[in-house]
Structures are given as C-alpha cells and as structure tokens.
Amino acid sequence: MRITLVPQVSSALPPAAFDALMVLPGVVQRRVKERETLRVTIGGREYFLKRHFGVSLREVAKNLSQLRWPVLGADTEARGIRRLQALGVPTVSLAGEGERGLNPLRRQSFILTEALPDTITLEELSLRWGRQPFRSRADMLLKRALLVRIAGIARSLHENGVNHRDFYLCHFRLEQGSPGLHRPGEALLLHVMDLHRAQLRRRTPLRWRIKDIASLYFSALDAGLTRHDCLRFMRLYTETPLREQCGRPFWRRVSTKAEFLYRKAHGRSAKLPLEAG
C-alpha cells in the first residue's frame, strides 16, 4: 500500500487514512461501476475525491480490442496532473493519492484534488452564448481570448505527448475572477480537468490528436461558433499560415469525427461552421 497526503489533509484524518478516505461520505458528482467522484469536506476545506475499486476483465478486454490501454486506477489521472503542471498548463492541485493491492482487477486507489471555487465550465458559458448572440464587445473579446488560450493548451499538450481523450468544453474551468475577464489582453485563468483517461507518450499519435480536436469542436458547435473562429483556431493550433492548413486531411477528419459525435449525442446533423461557405 502507498499513500501520500498533504499535511492539512493527513492531520484531519485518522491513522488509517486510506480506509477513511475509501468510505468518506460526500456529495456524489459521478458514479459508474468501478469508480466514483465525490465532493468532500476535510478539515473544513472542500476537495474532490475520486475513488477506484478495480476494473472488470470485460472492460480490460474491450479497451484492448480497440487498441486502447485500459484505465486501471487513479494513478493515471495523478500522472496526467503532474505532466500538465510540468508543462505550465493550469489544472487541479493534488492533495493526496494512494493505492493498495497487487491485482489490477481488484486494486483500490484514489486521488484527492483541491476544489476550484468561483469557477465556471466553458460548457456552461457556451450554452449561455448559444442562446443569445454576442452583443457586447466584452463578450467578443472574451471569446477571442478563449480561442487563443484553448488553442495554446491543445498545442502544448499534443506537442508534448499528452492527449486528453475527453477534450470537451465541460472539462475546462474558467476562474470567475480571472483578470482576462475584466481586462482584455491579460491571461485567462483556465484549468484543464478530468484527466483520468489521459495518455502520456513522447509524441501524440495523429489518431489521438484528431480525437481531441474533434471532441473540442463537437462540444463547441452550439456555442455560436463561426467559420472565422474555426480558421483562427486552426492557425493558432498549428502556428502556421492558414493557407497551409485549408484543405488538409487532418481538418477534414476532425470535421467528420465531430459530426459523428454530434449526431450520436443529439440524433441530428450538426451545422459545421468550418464547412460553411
């Protein structure tokens, strides 16, 4: 068994901290068969606790048949968080992690991360924008700043061998007190979340770059996205002149994948701004 906790957490838990964390009550945020995410309070402070209870042989076989390495525990997310921190990409802060058991099918593990108060997901923000047109200069400047920031994050991850696998707007959190919200031109405090399926390599394969960018595109399709926004993102993500990107197979595959995801989620075709005349 191994367990690591920051001092303010370890001092608030009993000696058998692993046992305590695996049964600690909280507000359930997400629960599936082999894992759950809860919002918990420890020592008067709020955290997110992700607990893993092993993995089924069926799930392992399913992932391997699709040429994917299965997620066997919480350490995948912990390694992803540390890699993003090393790259200077804002994410959550680890307050603890641990695992016990040698059999990966029965291994228990957890990570504890500090909550991010006063933040909003970009999905929440995009839904607001999708319901009403951009009427103010401030909204337009914010959207432009977000495009720059997200494209930079995507480029940094992919150039350094990281692919998220769930690269949707709901997994970006914007701090409401971010200077860039009120003083355009200043950096936006945008955090990348939910790295439990992230893959870390020396180089990111083309397949997974397409998957990440298509997921991002799909999740922004109802957010008032324009063709100009898409072209700006293409230029920023590749850091090459736009004339070198238009018509490339990479972006056609991104559009095809985004359309597939949209139809699967909503049961109807999407209006793809990247393909608008």
Protein backbone atom coordinates (compact mmCIF):
# COMPACT_ATOMS: atom_id res chain seq x y z
CA MET A 1 0.00 0.00 0.00
CA ARG A 2 1.16 3.53 -0.70
CA ILE A 3 -0.48 6.78 0.30
CA THR A 4 0.60 10.41 0.10
CA LEU A 5 -1.35 13.29 1.64
CA VAL A 6 -0.63 16.98 2.08
CA PRO A 7 -0.22 17.92 5.77
CA GLN A 8 -3.56 19.70 6.17
CA VAL A 9 -5.36 16.56 4.98
CA SER A 10 -3.34 13.97 6.89
CA SER A 11 -3.72 15.92 10.14
CA ALA A 12 -7.52 15.90 9.73
CA LEU A 13 -7.80 12.14 9.13
CA PRO A 14 -7.38 9.15 11.48
CA PRO A 15 -4.20 6.98 11.33
CA ALA A 16 -5.93 4.53 8.94
CA ALA A 17 -6.31 7.32 6.38
CA PHE A 18 -6.69 5.03 3.37
CA ASP A 19 -9.65 3.22 4.93
CA ALA A 20 -11.18 6.52 6.00
CA LEU A 21 -10.97 8.01 2.50
CA MET A 22 -12.44 4.94 0.81
CA VAL A 23 -15.62 5.26 2.89
CA LEU A 24 -15.70 9.03 3.42
CA PRO A 25 -19.20 10.39 2.64
CA GLY A 26 -19.69 13.30 0.28
CA VAL A 27 -21.83 14.71 -2.50
CA VAL A 28 -21.68 12.34 -5.45
CA GLN A 29 -20.69 14.10 -8.67
CA ARG A 30 -20.39 10.99 -10.84
CA ARG A 31 -20.65 7.28 -10.26
CA VAL A 32 -20.04 4.37 -12.62
CA LYS A 33 -19.38 0.71 -11.94
CA GLU A 34 -15.77 0.80 -10.86
CA ARG A 35 -15.25 4.39 -9.76
CA GLU A 36 -16.94 7.42 -8.26
CA THR A 37 -16.27 11.12 -7.80
CA LEU A 38 -17.44 12.97 -4.69
CA ARG A 39 -17.19 16.47 -3.34
CA VAL A 40 -15.98 16.11 0.25
CA THR A 41 -15.03 18.31 3.16
CA ILE A 42 -11.87 17.53 5.15
CA GLY A 43 -10.63 19.80 7.91
CA GLY A 44 -13.09 22.49 6.87
CA ARG A 45 -11.84 22.61 3.26
CA GLU A 46 -13.53 21.26 0.13
CA TYR A 47 -11.94 18.68 -2.15
CA PHE A 48 -12.86 16.30 -4.94
CA LEU A 49 -12.24 12.66 -4.13
CA LYS A 50 -12.04 10.11 -6.95
CA ARG A 51 -12.16 6.51 -5.80
CA HIS A 52 -11.40 3.48 -7.98
CA PHE A 53 -12.44 -0.01 -6.95
CA GLY A 54 -10.64 -2.11 -9.56
CA VAL A 55 -11.69 -2.87 -13.11
CA SER A 56 -13.63 -5.70 -14.72
CA LEU A 57 -11.97 -8.19 -17.06
CA ARG A 58 -14.63 -7.31 -19.62
CA GLU A 59 -13.63 -3.63 -19.55
CA VAL A 60 -9.95 -4.56 -19.98
CA ALA A 61 -10.76 -6.80 -22.94
CA LYS A 62 -12.97 -4.12 -24.52
CA ASN A 63 -10.22 -1.49 -24.35
CA LEU A 64 -7.51 -3.81 -25.64
CA SER A 65 -9.73 -4.89 -28.56
CA GLN A 66 -9.99 -1.19 -29.50
CA LEU A 67 -6.22 -0.74 -29.20
CA ARG A 68 -6.63 1.34 -26.04
CA TRP A 69 -4.79 0.85 -22.79
CA PRO A 70 -7.40 0.42 -20.02
CA VAL A 71 -7.55 2.79 -17.05
CA LEU A 72 -6.55 0.60 -14.11
CA GLY A 73 -6.67 3.15 -11.30
CA ALA A 74 -6.38 6.71 -10.10
CA ASP A 75 -2.66 6.94 -10.80
CA THR A 76 -3.40 7.69 -14.49
CA GLU A 77 -5.01 10.98 -13.51
CA ALA A 78 -2.32 11.77 -10.94
CA ARG A 79 0.40 11.35 -13.59
CA GLY A 80 -1.61 13.48 -16.00
CA ILE A 81 -1.95 16.28 -13.46
CA ARG A 82 1.78 16.26 -12.78
CA ARG A 83 2.59 16.32 -16.51
CA LEU A 84 0.33 19.33 -17.09
CA GLN A 85 1.84 21.14 -14.13
CA ALA A 86 5.31 20.49 -15.56
CA LEU A 87 4.16 21.97 -18.88
CA GLY A 88 2.73 25.04 -17.16
CA VAL A 89 -0.85 24.16 -18.12
CA PRO A 90 -3.21 25.09 -15.24
CA THR A 91 -5.08 22.14 -13.78
CA VAL A 92 -6.17 21.00 -10.32
CA SER A 93 -3.77 20.63 -7.38
CA LEU A 94 -3.18 17.19 -5.92
CA ALA A 95 -3.88 16.98 -2.19
CA GLY A 96 -3.42 13.21 -1.94
CA GLU A 97 -3.18 9.92 -3.76
CA GLY A 98 -2.89 6.27 -2.85
CA GLU A 99 -3.37 2.68 -3.94
CA ARG A 100 -3.36 -0.80 -2.44
CA GLY A 101 -3.49 -4.29 -3.87
CA LEU A 102 -1.32 -6.08 -6.42
CA ASN A 103 -4.07 -7.49 -8.64
CA PRO A 104 -5.00 -4.68 -11.08
CA LEU A 105 -8.54 -6.07 -11.37
CA ARG A 106 -9.12 -5.61 -7.63
CA ARG A 107 -6.75 -2.76 -6.82
CA GLN A 108 -8.23 0.14 -4.87
CA SER A 109 -6.92 3.64 -5.47
CA PHE A 110 -7.85 7.28 -5.03
CA ILE A 111 -6.78 10.81 -5.78
CA LEU A 112 -7.80 13.87 -3.80
CA THR A 113 -7.73 17.26 -5.51
CA GLU A 114 -8.40 20.73 -4.24
CA ALA A 115 -11.73 22.23 -5.28
CA LEU A 116 -11.75 25.22 -7.61
CA PRO A 117 -14.21 27.69 -6.09
CA ASP A 118 -15.72 30.51 -8.12
CA THR A 119 -15.21 28.83 -11.49
CA ILE A 120 -17.48 28.10 -14.42
CA THR A 121 -17.08 25.40 -17.06
CA LEU A 122 -16.76 26.51 -20.66
CA GLU A 123 -19.75 24.29 -21.42
CA GLU A 124 -21.89 26.42 -19.10
CA LEU A 125 -20.51 29.57 -20.68
CA SER A 126 -21.01 28.25 -24.22
CA LEU A 127 -24.64 27.34 -23.54
CA ARG A 128 -25.23 30.91 -22.46
CA TRP A 129 -23.60 32.17 -25.65
CA GLY A 130 -25.52 29.71 -27.80
CA ARG A 131 -28.86 31.05 -26.55
CA GLN A 132 -28.11 34.66 -27.40
CA PRO A 133 -25.84 36.35 -29.92
CA PHE A 134 -22.69 38.16 -28.86
CA ARG A 135 -23.95 41.64 -28.23
CA SER A 136 -21.14 43.28 -26.33
CA ARG A 137 -17.55 44.00 -27.20
CA ALA A 138 -16.55 42.36 -23.92
CA ASP A 139 -18.13 39.04 -24.96
CA MET A 140 -16.42 39.14 -28.33
CA LEU A 141 -13.05 39.86 -26.73
CA LEU A 142 -13.57 37.07 -24.21
CA LYS A 143 -14.41 34.56 -26.94
CA ARG A 144 -11.32 35.61 -28.88
CA ALA A 145 -9.14 35.29 -25.78
CA LEU A 146 -10.56 31.83 -25.04
CA LEU A 147 -9.79 30.69 -28.58
CA VAL A 148 -6.19 31.78 -28.14
CA ARG A 149 -5.90 30.10 -24.75
CA ILE A 150 -7.54 26.81 -25.72
CA ALA A 151 -5.56 26.52 -28.95
CA GLY A 152 -2.36 27.12 -26.97
CA ILE A 153 -3.29 24.47 -24.40
CA ALA A 154 -4.16 21.92 -27.11
CA ARG A 155 -0.91 22.60 -28.95
CA SER A 156 1.15 22.35 -25.75
CA LEU A 157 -0.43 19.03 -24.77
CA HIS A 158 -0.09 17.42 -28.18
CA GLU A 159 3.44 18.65 -28.82
CA ASN A 160 4.49 17.14 -25.50
CA GLY A 161 2.93 13.71 -25.91
CA VAL A 162 -0.30 14.26 -23.97
CA ASN A 163 -3.77 13.50 -25.27
CA HIS A 164 -6.79 14.04 -23.04
CA ARG A 165 -9.30 11.59 -24.59
CA ASP A 166 -12.22 13.63 -23.15
CA PHE A 167 -11.25 17.03 -24.52
CA TYR A 168 -14.66 18.70 -24.20
CA LEU A 169 -15.59 22.22 -23.09
CA CYS A 170 -17.05 20.80 -19.87
CA HIS A 171 -13.52 19.85 -18.80
CA PHE A 172 -12.23 23.42 -18.90
CA ARG A 173 -12.92 25.62 -15.87
CA LEU A 174 -12.58 29.38 -16.05
CA GLU A 175 -11.98 31.35 -12.88
CA GLN A 176 -14.69 33.97 -12.49
CA GLY A 177 -12.13 36.36 -11.03
CA SER A 178 -9.71 35.83 -13.92
CA PRO A 179 -8.08 39.16 -14.87
CA GLY A 180 -8.74 38.48 -18.54
CA LEU A 181 -12.48 38.56 -17.94
CA HIS A 182 -12.35 42.20 -16.99
CA ARG A 183 -9.14 43.43 -18.60
CA PRO A 184 -8.93 42.04 -22.16
CA GLY A 185 -5.37 41.18 -23.12
CA GLU A 186 -4.46 39.72 -19.73
CA ALA A 187 -4.16 35.96 -19.27
CA LEU A 188 -7.28 33.94 -18.60
CA LEU A 189 -7.07 31.53 -15.68
CA LEU A 190 -8.34 28.41 -17.46
CA HIS A 191 -7.91 24.99 -15.85
CA VAL A 192 -7.97 21.61 -17.61
CA MET A 193 -9.90 18.99 -15.65
CA ASP A 194 -10.73 15.27 -15.58
CA LEU A 195 -7.53 13.61 -16.74
CA HIS A 196 -8.44 10.09 -15.66
CA ARG A 197 -8.14 8.77 -19.26
CA ALA A 198 -5.21 10.92 -20.38
CA GLN A 199 -2.41 9.19 -22.26
CA LEU A 200 1.22 10.23 -21.87
CA ARG A 201 3.85 9.49 -24.51
CA ARG A 202 6.88 11.07 -26.10
CA ARG A 203 4.75 12.01 -29.12
CA THR A 204 0.99 12.19 -29.58
CA PRO A 205 -0.19 9.92 -32.43
CA LEU A 206 -2.23 11.56 -35.20
CA ARG A 207 -5.28 9.46 -34.33
CA TRP A 208 -5.43 10.88 -30.81
CA ARG A 209 -4.76 14.46 -31.89
CA ILE A 210 -7.75 14.19 -34.24
CA LYS A 211 -9.87 12.68 -31.45
CA ASP A 212 -9.06 15.52 -29.03
CA ILE A 213 -9.63 18.36 -31.52
CA ALA A 214 -12.81 16.75 -32.87
CA SER A 215 -14.16 16.38 -29.31
CA LEU A 216 -13.45 20.05 -28.67
CA TYR A 217 -15.08 21.08 -31.96
CA PHE A 218 -18.15 18.93 -31.30
CA SER A 219 -18.67 20.39 -27.83
CA ALA A 220 -18.50 23.96 -29.20
CA LEU A 221 -20.91 23.51 -32.11
CA ASP A 222 -23.86 25.02 -30.22
CA ALA A 223 -21.83 27.88 -28.76
CA GLY A 224 -22.22 30.42 -31.53
CA LEU A 225 -19.02 29.26 -33.23
CA THR A 226 -18.29 30.88 -36.61
CA ARG A 227 -16.15 29.90 -39.57
CA HIS A 228 -13.80 32.73 -38.68
CA ASP A 229 -13.43 31.30 -35.16
CA CYS A 230 -12.53 27.90 -36.61
CA LEU A 231 -9.97 29.35 -39.00
CA ARG A 232 -8.42 31.35 -36.17
CA PHE A 233 -8.16 28.18 -34.07
CA MET A 234 -6.53 26.28 -36.95
CA ARG A 235 -3.87 28.95 -37.33
CA LEU A 236 -3.21 29.20 -33.60
CA TYR A 237 -3.12 25.44 -33.01
CA THR A 238 -0.68 24.76 -35.84
CA GLU A 239 1.28 28.03 -35.63
CA THR A 240 1.45 28.04 -39.42
CA PRO A 241 -0.13 30.31 -42.05
CA LEU A 242 -3.77 29.49 -42.72
CA ARG A 243 -3.16 28.87 -46.43
CA GLU A 244 -1.06 25.84 -45.43
CA GLN A 245 -3.94 24.36 -43.40
CA CYS A 246 -7.04 24.78 -45.56
CA GLY A 247 -7.99 21.55 -47.26
CA ARG A 248 -5.61 19.39 -45.24
CA PRO A 249 -6.87 15.82 -44.49
CA PHE A 250 -6.34 16.45 -40.76
CA TRP A 251 -9.12 19.05 -40.60
CA ARG A 252 -11.46 17.02 -42.81
CA ARG A 253 -11.09 14.11 -40.42
CA VAL A 254 -11.69 16.43 -37.46
CA SER A 255 -14.94 17.64 -39.05
CA THR A 256 -16.08 14.10 -39.85
CA LYS A 257 -15.42 12.94 -36.30
CA ALA A 258 -17.13 16.00 -34.79
CA GLU A 259 -20.20 15.43 -36.98
CA PHE A 260 -20.31 11.77 -35.88
CA LEU A 261 -20.13 12.75 -32.20
CA TYR A 262 -22.85 15.38 -32.62
CA ARG A 263 -25.22 13.01 -34.41
CA LYS A 264 -24.59 10.34 -31.76
CA ALA A 265 -25.29 12.78 -28.92
CA HIS A 266 -28.23 14.71 -30.41
CA GLY A 267 -29.73 12.42 -33.05
CA ARG A 268 -29.44 15.05 -35.77
CA SER A 269 -26.87 16.54 -38.11
CA ALA A 270 -24.72 19.44 -36.99
CA LYS A 271 -24.18 22.72 -38.75
CA LEU A 272 -20.42 22.75 -39.18
CA PRO A 273 -19.11 26.33 -39.36
CA LEU A 274 -15.75 25.10 -40.66
CA GLU A 275 -17.52 23.88 -43.81
CA ALA A 276 -19.69 26.96 -44.28
CA GLY A 277 -19.07 28.96 -47.40
